[in-house]
Amino acid sequence: MNRLTPEQRFQIVQIYFENHGSVRNTYHALRPFYVHVEEIIAAVERSVEEDPNQSIRHRAQESDMCPSTL
């Protein structure tokens, strides 16, 4: 996953406190800003189709993702 900037971290903490410590509500509030699951899945599928023999580590580096997320 991409690294967060200090500003993004601040935004997450601020929204967390605005939602009275509710992780679920914070997640839902942040979802439009940070969660693009369908786009990520499609990009990984295209990458695998282009080169099915590429290592997970290398594919994760190209996608700017953590290997465990990939």
PDB file of N, CA and C in Angstrom:
ATOM      1  N   MET A   1       0.836  -1.168   0.000  1.00  0.00           N
ATOM      2  CA  MET A   1       0.000   0.000   0.000  1.00  0.00           C
ATOM      3  C   MET A   1       0.882   1.232   0.000  1.00  0.00           C
ATOM      4  N   ASN A   2       0.371   2.303  -0.558  1.00  0.00           N
ATOM      5  CA  ASN A   2       1.120   3.548  -0.606  1.00  0.00           C
ATOM      6  C   ASN A   2       1.371   4.097   0.789  1.00  0.00           C
ATOM      7  N   ARG A   3       2.482   4.773   0.938  1.00  0.00           N
ATOM      8  CA  ARG A   3       2.810   5.430   2.199  1.00  0.00           C
ATOM      9  C   ARG A   3       1.938   6.670   2.346  1.00  0.00           C
ATOM     10  N   LEU A   4       1.551   6.965   3.567  1.00  0.00           N
ATOM     11  CA  LEU A   4       0.723   8.135   3.824  1.00  0.00           C
ATOM     12  C   LEU A   4       1.593   9.337   4.159  1.00  0.00           C
ATOM     13  N   THR A   5       1.159  10.497   3.693  1.00  0.00           N
ATOM     14  CA  THR A   5       1.850  11.729   4.029  1.00  0.00           C
ATOM     15  C   THR A   5       1.447  12.147   5.439  1.00  0.00           C
ATOM     16  N   PRO A   6       2.208  13.037   6.058  1.00  0.00           N
ATOM     17  CA  PRO A   6       1.800  13.530   7.376  1.00  0.00           C
ATOM     18  C   PRO A   6       0.406  14.167   7.358  1.00  0.00           C
ATOM     19  N   GLU A   7       0.072  14.844   6.267  1.00  0.00           N
ATOM     20  CA  GLU A   7      -1.239  15.467   6.151  1.00  0.00           C
ATOM     21  C   GLU A   7      -2.354  14.409   6.117  1.00  0.00           C
ATOM     22  N   GLN A   8      -2.105  13.317   5.409  1.00  0.00           N
ATOM     23  CA  GLN A   8      -3.096  12.241   5.346  1.00  0.00           C
ATOM     24  C   GLN A   8      -3.251  11.575   6.706  1.00  0.00           C
ATOM     25  N   ARG A   9      -2.153  11.377   7.391  1.00  0.00           N
ATOM     26  CA  ARG A   9      -2.215  10.786   8.735  1.00  0.00           C
ATOM     27  C   ARG A   9      -3.024  11.683   9.674  1.00  0.00           C
ATOM     28  N   PHE A  10      -2.778  12.981   9.579  1.00  0.00           N
ATOM     29  CA  PHE A  10      -3.517  13.931  10.407  1.00  0.00           C
ATOM     30  C   PHE A  10      -5.011  13.854  10.096  1.00  0.00           C
ATOM     31  N   GLN A  11      -5.348  13.785   8.811  1.00  0.00           N
ATOM     32  CA  GLN A  11      -6.751  13.697   8.406  1.00  0.00           C
ATOM     33  C   GLN A  11      -7.408  12.442   8.987  1.00  0.00           C
ATOM     34  N   ILE A  12      -6.712  11.332   8.948  1.00  0.00           N
ATOM     35  CA  ILE A  12      -7.263  10.082   9.469  1.00  0.00           C
ATOM     36  C   ILE A  12      -7.516  10.188  10.968  1.00  0.00           C
ATOM     37  N   VAL A  13      -6.540  10.718  11.700  1.00  0.00           N
ATOM     38  CA  VAL A  13      -6.704  10.861  13.147  1.00  0.00           C
ATOM     39  C   VAL A  13      -7.834  11.836  13.462  1.00  0.00           C
ATOM     40  N   GLN A  14      -7.889  12.923  12.717  1.00  0.00           N
ATOM     41  CA  GLN A  14      -8.953  13.914  12.936  1.00  0.00           C
ATOM     42  C   GLN A  14     -10.332  13.297  12.710  1.00  0.00           C
ATOM     43  N   ILE A  15     -10.502  12.568  11.644  1.00  0.00           N
ATOM     44  CA  ILE A  15     -11.794  11.938  11.358  1.00  0.00           C
ATOM     45  C   ILE A  15     -12.108  10.870  12.401  1.00  0.00           C
ATOM     46  N   TYR A  16     -11.101  10.166  12.870  1.00  0.00           N
ATOM     47  CA  TYR A  16     -11.294   9.171  13.925  1.00  0.00           C
ATOM     48  C   TYR A  16     -11.887   9.824  15.172  1.00  0.00           C
ATOM     49  N   PHE A  17     -11.317  10.952  15.586  1.00  0.00           N
ATOM     50  CA  PHE A  17     -11.832  11.631  16.775  1.00  0.00           C
ATOM     51  C   PHE A  17     -13.199  12.258  16.520  1.00  0.00           C
ATOM     52  N   GLU A  18     -13.429  12.757  15.317  1.00  0.00           N
ATOM     53  CA  GLU A  18     -14.747  13.308  14.973  1.00  0.00           C
ATOM     54  C   GLU A  18     -15.820  12.227  15.039  1.00  0.00           C
ATOM     55  N   ASN A  19     -15.424  10.990  14.827  1.00  0.00           N
ATOM     56  CA  ASN A  19     -16.357   9.861  14.871  1.00  0.00           C
ATOM     57  C   ASN A  19     -16.322   9.155  16.227  1.00  0.00           C
ATOM     58  N   HIS A  20     -15.855   9.862  17.248  1.00  0.00           N
ATOM     59  CA  HIS A  20     -15.855   9.380  18.632  1.00  0.00           C
ATOM     60  C   HIS A  20     -15.154   8.032  18.798  1.00  0.00           C
ATOM     61  N   GLY A  21     -14.062   7.862  18.059  1.00  0.00           N
ATOM     62  CA  GLY A  21     -13.262   6.654  18.202  1.00  0.00           C
ATOM     63  C   GLY A  21     -13.836   5.430  17.513  1.00  0.00           C
ATOM     64  N   SER A  22     -14.810   5.632  16.663  1.00  0.00           N
ATOM     65  CA  SER A  22     -15.399   4.501  15.948  1.00  0.00           C
ATOM     66  C   SER A  22     -14.567   4.191  14.704  1.00  0.00           C
ATOM     67  N   VAL A  23     -13.924   3.041  14.708  1.00  0.00           N
ATOM     68  CA  VAL A  23     -13.116   2.637  13.563  1.00  0.00           C
ATOM     69  C   VAL A  23     -14.006   2.430  12.337  1.00  0.00           C
ATOM     70  N   ARG A  24     -15.154   1.833  12.550  1.00  0.00           N
ATOM     71  CA  ARG A  24     -16.076   1.565  11.440  1.00  0.00           C
ATOM     72  C   ARG A  24     -16.516   2.869  10.768  1.00  0.00           C
ATOM     73  N   ASN A  25     -16.922   3.850  11.573  1.00  0.00           N
ATOM     74  CA  ASN A  25     -17.361   5.119  11.001  1.00  0.00           C
ATOM     75  C   ASN A  25     -16.212   5.873  10.344  1.00  0.00           C
ATOM     76  N   THR A  26     -15.038   5.755  10.930  1.00  0.00           N
ATOM     77  CA  THR A  26     -13.852   6.391  10.345  1.00  0.00           C
ATOM     78  C   THR A  26     -13.546   5.769   8.997  1.00  0.00           C
ATOM     79  N   TYR A  27     -13.594   4.457   8.932  1.00  0.00           N
ATOM     80  CA  TYR A  27     -13.348   3.759   7.666  1.00  0.00           C
ATOM     81  C   TYR A  27     -14.331   4.218   6.595  1.00  0.00           C
ATOM     82  N   HIS A  28     -15.598   4.293   6.949  1.00  0.00           N
ATOM     83  CA  HIS A  28     -16.610   4.715   5.978  1.00  0.00           C
ATOM     84  C   HIS A  28     -16.420   6.170   5.548  1.00  0.00           C
ATOM     85  N   ALA A  29     -15.980   7.014   6.470  1.00  0.00           N
ATOM     86  CA  ALA A  29     -15.738   8.416   6.129  1.00  0.00           C
ATOM     87  C   ALA A  29     -14.527   8.574   5.214  1.00  0.00           C
ATOM     88  N   LEU A  30     -13.530   7.718   5.391  1.00  0.00           N
ATOM     89  CA  LEU A  30     -12.305   7.812   4.597  1.00  0.00           C
ATOM     90  C   LEU A  30     -12.371   7.049   3.283  1.00  0.00           C
ATOM     91  N   ARG A  31     -13.313   6.184   3.179  1.00  0.00           N
ATOM     92  CA  ARG A  31     -13.387   5.315   2.015  1.00  0.00           C
ATOM     93  C   ARG A  31     -13.342   6.053   0.673  1.00  0.00           C
ATOM     94  N   PRO A  32     -14.092   7.143   0.506  1.00  0.00           N
ATOM     95  CA  PRO A  32     -14.015   7.843  -0.788  1.00  0.00           C
ATOM     96  C   PRO A  32     -12.625   8.404  -1.099  1.00  0.00           C
ATOM     97  N   PHE A  33     -11.826   8.658  -0.069  1.00  0.00           N
ATOM     98  CA  PHE A  33     -10.508   9.244  -0.278  1.00  0.00           C
ATOM     99  C   PHE A  33      -9.417   8.217  -0.545  1.00  0.00           C
ATOM    100  N   TYR A  34      -9.520   7.029   0.067  1.00  0.00           N
ATOM    101  CA  TYR A  34      -8.390   6.104   0.065  1.00  0.00           C
ATOM    102  C   TYR A  34      -8.679   4.708  -0.479  1.00  0.00           C
ATOM    103  N   VAL A  35      -9.892   4.308  -0.627  1.00  0.00           N
ATOM    104  CA  VAL A  35     -10.166   2.923  -1.003  1.00  0.00           C
ATOM    105  C   VAL A  35     -10.640   2.858  -2.455  1.00  0.00           C
ATOM    106  N   HIS A  36      -9.839   2.221  -3.259  1.00  0.00           N
ATOM    107  CA  HIS A  36     -10.155   2.016  -4.674  1.00  0.00           C
ATOM    108  C   HIS A  36      -9.918   0.549  -5.012  1.00  0.00           C
ATOM    109  N   VAL A  37     -10.596  -0.323  -4.304  1.00  0.00           N
ATOM    110  CA  VAL A  37     -10.345  -1.758  -4.388  1.00  0.00           C
ATOM    111  C   VAL A  37     -10.514  -2.282  -5.808  1.00  0.00           C
ATOM    112  N   GLU A  38     -11.587  -1.906  -6.467  1.00  0.00           N
ATOM    113  CA  GLU A  38     -11.840  -2.423  -7.809  1.00  0.00           C
ATOM    114  C   GLU A  38     -10.739  -2.018  -8.777  1.00  0.00           C
ATOM    115  N   GLU A  39     -10.275  -0.786  -8.663  1.00  0.00           N
ATOM    116  CA  GLU A  39      -9.204  -0.307  -9.535  1.00  0.00           C
ATOM    117  C   GLU A  39      -7.903  -1.063  -9.266  1.00  0.00           C
ATOM    118  N   ILE A  40      -7.623  -1.314  -8.012  1.00  0.00           N
ATOM    119  CA  ILE A  40      -6.397  -2.031  -7.643  1.00  0.00           C
ATOM    120  C   ILE A  40      -6.442  -3.462  -8.158  1.00  0.00           C
ATOM    121  N   ILE A  41      -7.580  -4.124  -7.972  1.00  0.00           N
ATOM    122  CA  ILE A  41      -7.728  -5.503  -8.445  1.00  0.00           C
ATOM    123  C   ILE A  41      -7.552  -5.572  -9.958  1.00  0.00           C
ATOM    124  N   ALA A  42      -8.160  -4.645 -10.681  1.00  0.00           N
ATOM    125  CA  ALA A  42      -8.053  -4.631 -12.141  1.00  0.00           C
ATOM    126  C   ALA A  42      -6.603  -4.405 -12.577  1.00  0.00           C
ATOM    127  N   ALA A  43      -5.900  -3.516 -11.895  1.00  0.00           N
ATOM    128  CA  ALA A  43      -4.503  -3.251 -12.240  1.00  0.00           C
ATOM    129  C   ALA A  43      -3.633  -4.475 -11.999  1.00  0.00           C
ATOM    130  N   VAL A  44      -3.860  -5.167 -10.901  1.00  0.00           N
ATOM    131  CA  VAL A  44      -3.076  -6.374 -10.607  1.00  0.00           C
ATOM    132  C   VAL A  44      -3.404  -7.469 -11.618  1.00  0.00           C
ATOM    133  N   GLU A  45      -4.666  -7.611 -11.974  1.00  0.00           N
ATOM    134  CA  GLU A  45      -5.050  -8.608 -12.991  1.00  0.00           C
ATOM    135  C   GLU A  45      -4.345  -8.332 -14.314  1.00  0.00           C
ATOM    136  N   ARG A  46      -4.323  -7.067 -14.726  1.00  0.00           N
ATOM    137  CA  ARG A  46      -3.641  -6.712 -15.976  1.00  0.00           C
ATOM    138  C   ARG A  46      -2.147  -7.032 -15.888  1.00  0.00           C
ATOM    139  N   SER A  47      -1.564  -6.736 -14.751  1.00  0.00           N
ATOM    140  CA  SER A  47      -0.141  -6.999 -14.550  1.00  0.00           C
ATOM    141  C   SER A  47       0.157  -8.493 -14.642  1.00  0.00           C
ATOM    142  N   VAL A  48      -0.691  -9.309 -14.054  1.00  0.00           N
ATOM    143  CA  VAL A  48      -0.496 -10.762 -14.090  1.00  0.00           C
ATOM    144  C   VAL A  48      -0.684 -11.288 -15.511  1.00  0.00           C
ATOM    145  N   GLU A  49      -1.671 -10.751 -16.225  1.00  0.00           N
ATOM    146  CA  GLU A  49      -1.886 -11.181 -17.606  1.00  0.00           C
ATOM    147  C   GLU A  49      -0.686 -10.835 -18.484  1.00  0.00           C
ATOM    148  N   GLU A  50      -0.090  -9.664 -18.252  1.00  0.00           N
ATOM    149  CA  GLU A  50       1.054  -9.232 -19.054  1.00  0.00           C
ATOM    150  C   GLU A  50       2.295 -10.079 -18.787  1.00  0.00           C
ATOM    151  N   ASP A  51       2.520 -10.425 -17.527  1.00  0.00           N
ATOM    152  CA  ASP A  51       3.697 -11.218 -17.171  1.00  0.00           C
ATOM    153  C   ASP A  51       3.369 -12.129 -15.991  1.00  0.00           C
ATOM    154  N   PRO A  52       2.820 -13.310 -16.266  1.00  0.00           N
ATOM    155  CA  PRO A  52       2.414 -14.206 -15.173  1.00  0.00           C
ATOM    156  C   PRO A  52       3.587 -14.774 -14.367  1.00  0.00           C
ATOM    157  N   ASN A  53       4.804 -14.677 -14.882  1.00  0.00           N
ATOM    158  CA  ASN A  53       5.963 -15.238 -14.190  1.00  0.00           C
ATOM    159  C   ASN A  53       6.705 -14.234 -13.314  1.00  0.00           C
ATOM    160  N   GLN A  54       6.262 -13.002 -13.302  1.00  0.00           N
ATOM    161  CA  GLN A  54       6.922 -11.976 -12.496  1.00  0.00           C
ATOM    162  C   GLN A  54       6.721 -12.265 -11.009  1.00  0.00           C
ATOM    163  N   SER A  55       7.745 -12.015 -10.218  1.00  0.00           N
ATOM    164  CA  SER A  55       7.653 -12.298  -8.788  1.00  0.00           C
ATOM    165  C   SER A  55       6.694 -11.324  -8.103  1.00  0.00           C
ATOM    166  N   ILE A  56       6.156 -11.771  -6.980  1.00  0.00           N
ATOM    167  CA  ILE A  56       5.249 -10.924  -6.204  1.00  0.00           C
ATOM    168  C   ILE A  56       5.992  -9.684  -5.725  1.00  0.00           C
ATOM    169  N   ARG A  57       7.213  -9.872  -5.268  1.00  0.00           N
ATOM    170  CA  ARG A  57       8.003  -8.746  -4.772  1.00  0.00           C
ATOM    171  C   ARG A  57       8.192  -7.682  -5.853  1.00  0.00           C
ATOM    172  N   HIS A  58       8.561  -8.104  -7.044  1.00  0.00           N
ATOM    173  CA  HIS A  58       8.786  -7.157  -8.139  1.00  0.00           C
ATOM    174  C   HIS A  58       7.471  -6.510  -8.574  1.00  0.00           C
ATOM    175  N   ARG A  59       6.410  -7.289  -8.657  1.00  0.00           N
ATOM    176  CA  ARG A  59       5.100  -6.754  -9.042  1.00  0.00           C
ATOM    177  C   ARG A  59       4.616  -5.735  -8.010  1.00  0.00           C
ATOM    178  N   ALA A  60       4.855  -6.017  -6.737  1.00  0.00           N
ATOM    179  CA  ALA A  60       4.455  -5.091  -5.673  1.00  0.00           C
ATOM    180  C   ALA A  60       5.239  -3.784  -5.776  1.00  0.00           C
ATOM    181  N   GLN A  61       6.535  -3.880  -6.072  1.00  0.00           N
ATOM    182  CA  GLN A  61       7.345  -2.672  -6.230  1.00  0.00           C
ATOM    183  C   GLN A  61       6.837  -1.825  -7.392  1.00  0.00           C
ATOM    184  N   GLU A  62       6.518  -2.455  -8.500  1.00  0.00           N
ATOM    185  CA  GLU A  62       6.012  -1.728  -9.670  1.00  0.00           C
ATOM    186  C   GLU A  62       4.667  -1.073  -9.373  1.00  0.00           C
ATOM    187  N   SER A  63       3.859  -1.723  -8.550  1.00  0.00           N
ATOM    188  CA  SER A  63       2.521  -1.214  -8.233  1.00  0.00           C
ATOM    189  C   SER A  63       2.529  -0.280  -7.033  1.00  0.00           C
ATOM    190  N   ASP A  64       3.691  -0.101  -6.431  1.00  0.00           N
ATOM    191  CA  ASP A  64       3.827   0.712  -5.215  1.00  0.00           C
ATOM    192  C   ASP A  64       2.910   0.186  -4.118  1.00  0.00           C
ATOM    193  N   MET A  65       2.969  -1.141  -3.931  1.00  0.00           N
ATOM    194  CA  MET A  65       2.148  -1.813  -2.922  1.00  0.00           C
ATOM    195  C   MET A  65       3.031  -2.686  -2.052  1.00  0.00           C
ATOM    196  N   CYS A  66       2.525  -3.006  -0.898  1.00  0.00           N
ATOM    197  CA  CYS A  66       3.171  -3.954  -0.008  1.00  0.00           C
ATOM    198  C   CYS A  66       2.946  -5.354  -0.595  1.00  0.00           C
ATOM    199  N   PRO A  67       3.949  -6.233  -0.592  1.00  0.00           N
ATOM    200  CA  PRO A  67       3.758  -7.570  -1.150  1.00  0.00           C
ATOM    201  C   PRO A  67       2.576  -8.333  -0.503  1.00  0.00           C
ATOM    202  N   SER A  68       2.381  -8.146   0.788  1.00  0.00           N
ATOM    203  CA  SER A  68       1.262  -8.858   1.437  1.00  0.00           C
ATOM    204  C   SER A  68      -0.094  -8.311   0.987  1.00  0.00           C
ATOM    205  N   THR A  69      -0.154  -7.042   0.603  1.00  0.00           N
ATOM    206  CA  THR A  69      -1.394  -6.472   0.079  1.00  0.00           C
ATOM    207  C   THR A  69      -1.667  -7.001  -1.311  1.00  0.00           C
ATOM    208  N   LEU A  70      -0.589  -7.103  -2.095  1.00  0.00           N
ATOM    209  CA  LEU A  70      -0.728  -7.606  -3.452  1.00  0.00           C
ATOM    210  C   LEU A  70      -1.271  -9.016  -3.436  1.00  0.00           C
TER     211      LEU A  70
END
